[in-house]
Protein backbone atom coordinates (compact mmCIF):
# COMPACT_ATOMS: atom_id res chain seq x y z
CA MET A 1 -129.31 -16.54 55.86
CA ARG A 2 -126.38 -15.35 54.01
CA LYS A 3 -126.36 -15.05 50.28
CA PHE A 4 -123.20 -15.43 48.22
CA ALA A 5 -122.77 -13.37 45.13
CA LYS A 6 -122.12 -15.34 42.02
CA GLY A 7 -120.37 -14.22 38.85
CA ASP A 8 -118.22 -11.11 39.39
CA ASP A 9 -116.26 -12.18 42.49
CA GLU A 10 -113.94 -14.80 40.99
CA ALA A 11 -110.42 -15.21 42.37
CA GLU A 12 -107.43 -14.35 40.12
CA VAL A 13 -103.87 -15.62 40.35
CA ASN A 14 -101.21 -12.92 40.03
CA MET A 15 -98.53 -14.30 37.63
CA THR A 16 -96.07 -11.38 37.93
CA PRO A 17 -93.92 -12.80 40.78
CA MET A 18 -93.63 -16.17 39.02
CA LEU A 19 -92.51 -14.51 35.77
CA ASP A 20 -89.95 -12.47 37.71
CA ILE A 21 -88.48 -15.62 39.21
CA VAL A 22 -88.40 -17.39 35.82
CA PHE A 23 -86.55 -14.48 34.17
CA ILE A 24 -84.08 -14.22 37.05
CA MET A 25 -83.35 -17.95 36.77
CA LEU A 26 -82.97 -17.64 32.98
CA ILE A 27 -80.49 -14.78 33.33
CA PHE A 28 -78.57 -16.73 36.00
CA PHE A 29 -78.20 -19.81 33.80
CA ILE A 30 -77.17 -17.78 30.75
CA VAL A 31 -74.51 -15.91 32.71
CA THR A 32 -73.09 -19.01 34.40
CA ALA A 33 -73.14 -21.27 31.32
CA THR A 34 -69.81 -22.14 29.73
CA PHE A 35 -69.53 -22.27 25.97
CA VAL A 36 -66.96 -24.48 24.32
CA ASN A 37 -65.48 -23.01 21.16
CA GLU A 38 -62.99 -25.39 19.64
CA SER A 39 -61.19 -23.88 16.73
CA GLY A 40 -57.81 -24.61 15.24
CA ILE A 41 -56.05 -26.81 12.79
CA GLU A 42 -55.48 -30.51 12.86
CA VAL A 43 -51.90 -31.41 13.68
CA ASN A 44 -50.49 -34.61 12.21
CA ILE A 45 -48.48 -36.34 14.93
CA PRO A 46 -46.32 -39.30 13.95
CA GLU A 47 -47.11 -42.65 15.50
CA ASP A 48 -44.81 -44.11 18.12
CA ASN A 49 -43.51 -47.36 16.67
CA ASN A 50 -41.13 -48.14 19.57
CA ASN A 51 -38.38 -49.11 17.13
CA SER A 52 -34.97 -48.65 18.68
CA ASN A 53 -33.12 -48.69 15.32
CA PRO A 54 -35.23 -47.23 12.55
CA PRO A 55 -33.98 -47.82 9.03
CA PRO A 56 -32.08 -44.92 7.47
CA PRO A 57 -34.31 -42.73 5.31
CA ASP A 58 -33.99 -42.72 1.56
CA GLU A 59 -32.40 -39.59 0.15
CA ASP A 60 -35.60 -38.91 -1.82
CA LYS A 61 -37.77 -39.17 1.29
CA ARG A 62 -35.59 -37.05 3.59
CA ALA A 63 -37.84 -34.45 5.20
CA ILE A 64 -37.95 -30.76 4.43
CA ALA A 65 -37.46 -29.68 8.04
CA PHE A 66 -38.03 -26.33 9.71
CA ILE A 67 -37.28 -25.58 13.36
CA VAL A 68 -38.96 -22.66 15.12
CA ASP A 69 -37.24 -21.80 18.42
CA GLY A 70 -38.60 -19.99 21.47
CA ASN A 71 -37.75 -16.59 19.96
CA ASN A 72 -39.66 -17.42 16.73
CA ARG A 73 -36.50 -17.75 14.64
CA ILE A 74 -36.77 -20.25 11.81
CA SER A 75 -33.92 -22.65 11.03
CA HIS A 76 -33.52 -24.87 7.99
CA ASP A 77 -30.42 -27.04 7.37
CA PHE A 78 -28.61 -25.38 10.29
CA ARG A 79 -29.20 -21.88 8.86
CA THR A 80 -31.45 -19.16 10.23
CA ILE A 81 -33.90 -18.06 7.55
CA ASP A 82 -36.67 -15.50 7.17
CA ILE A 83 -40.35 -16.42 6.86
CA SER A 84 -40.41 -14.95 3.34
CA SER A 85 -37.94 -17.56 2.08
CA VAL A 86 -39.89 -20.56 3.41
CA SER A 87 -42.10 -21.02 0.36
CA SER A 88 -39.16 -20.85 -2.08
CA ILE A 89 -37.28 -23.46 -0.02
CA ILE A 90 -40.29 -25.77 0.01
CA LYS A 91 -40.79 -25.33 -3.75
CA ARG A 92 -37.13 -26.03 -4.56
CA GLU A 93 -36.81 -29.06 -2.29
CA SER A 94 -40.18 -30.57 -3.22
CA VAL A 95 -39.07 -30.52 -6.87
CA GLU A 96 -35.80 -32.24 -5.96
CA ARG A 97 -37.51 -34.73 -3.60
CA PRO A 98 -41.23 -35.07 -4.47
CA GLU A 99 -41.86 -37.73 -1.80
CA ALA A 100 -40.33 -35.68 1.02
CA PRO A 101 -42.65 -34.62 3.85
CA VAL A 102 -42.53 -31.17 5.41
CA VAL A 103 -41.67 -31.30 9.11
CA ILE A 104 -42.24 -28.28 11.36
CA GLN A 105 -40.75 -28.55 14.84
CA SER A 106 -41.70 -25.63 17.07
CA ALA A 107 -40.67 -24.82 20.61
CA GLU A 108 -43.33 -25.14 23.25
CA SER A 109 -42.51 -21.68 24.56
CA GLY A 110 -42.69 -20.08 21.11
CA PHE A 111 -45.58 -18.41 19.36
CA SER A 112 -47.35 -20.94 17.16
CA GLY A 113 -48.25 -18.32 14.53
CA THR A 114 -44.86 -18.76 12.85
CA ALA A 115 -45.36 -22.51 12.57
CA ILE A 116 -48.85 -21.96 11.17
CA ARG A 117 -47.42 -19.63 8.50
CA ILE A 118 -44.96 -22.38 7.46
CA TYR A 119 -47.83 -24.90 7.43
CA ASP A 120 -49.93 -22.58 5.24
CA ALA A 121 -46.99 -21.97 2.87
CA ALA A 122 -46.61 -25.73 2.38
CA LEU A 123 -50.33 -26.09 1.67
CA GLU A 124 -50.27 -23.22 -0.84
CA ILE A 125 -47.44 -24.88 -2.76
CA GLY A 126 -49.46 -28.06 -3.06
CA ILE A 127 -48.00 -30.32 -0.38
CA PRO A 128 -50.88 -32.52 0.84
CA ALA A 129 -51.84 -32.09 4.50
CA GLU A 130 -50.97 -35.77 5.18
CA LYS A 131 -47.33 -35.02 4.33
CA ILE A 132 -47.04 -32.05 6.71
CA VAL A 133 -46.01 -32.95 10.25
CA TRP A 134 -46.04 -30.37 13.03
CA THR A 135 -44.51 -31.29 16.37
CA ARG A 136 -43.81 -29.30 19.52
CA ARG A 137 -40.67 -29.74 21.57
CA LYS A 138 -39.74 -28.58 25.05
C-alpha cells in the first residue's frame, strides 16, 4: 500500500503571471484613454429671430462694435485702431451710451486672442458679460 504524505506537500498557485497581465492591461488602457479637457470662455450668440425688417436701433442702444479681421487688425467706426486704445473707446462710448452692448466680430481665419483681449477689456471696465456679444464671420 501506498502512503500519502500529509501536511507539507500542499499545492501553491503562482500569481506572478496574472499580475503581469493585469499591469499590462492597466498600462494599455491608460495609454489609449482619451481625456476631454474643455476650457474656454462662454460666447454670447444672438438669437435668430427670423425678422426680415428689424426696427432701427435707438441711438442710445447702438452697439460699441469692434471688427477683428484675418490679419488681427482691429477696426472701430471704419478706422483701424490699436489694442491699447480699445479700453478708452469702450469707456468713452459707454458713458455716452450706457445701454449700448459691446459687439466683437472676428474673422474665422484670425487669431481669437485679439478678440479675447477686447472681451477682457470690456469686462474690466464694468460692462456685464450679458452685454458683450462675440461673433465669428467667414
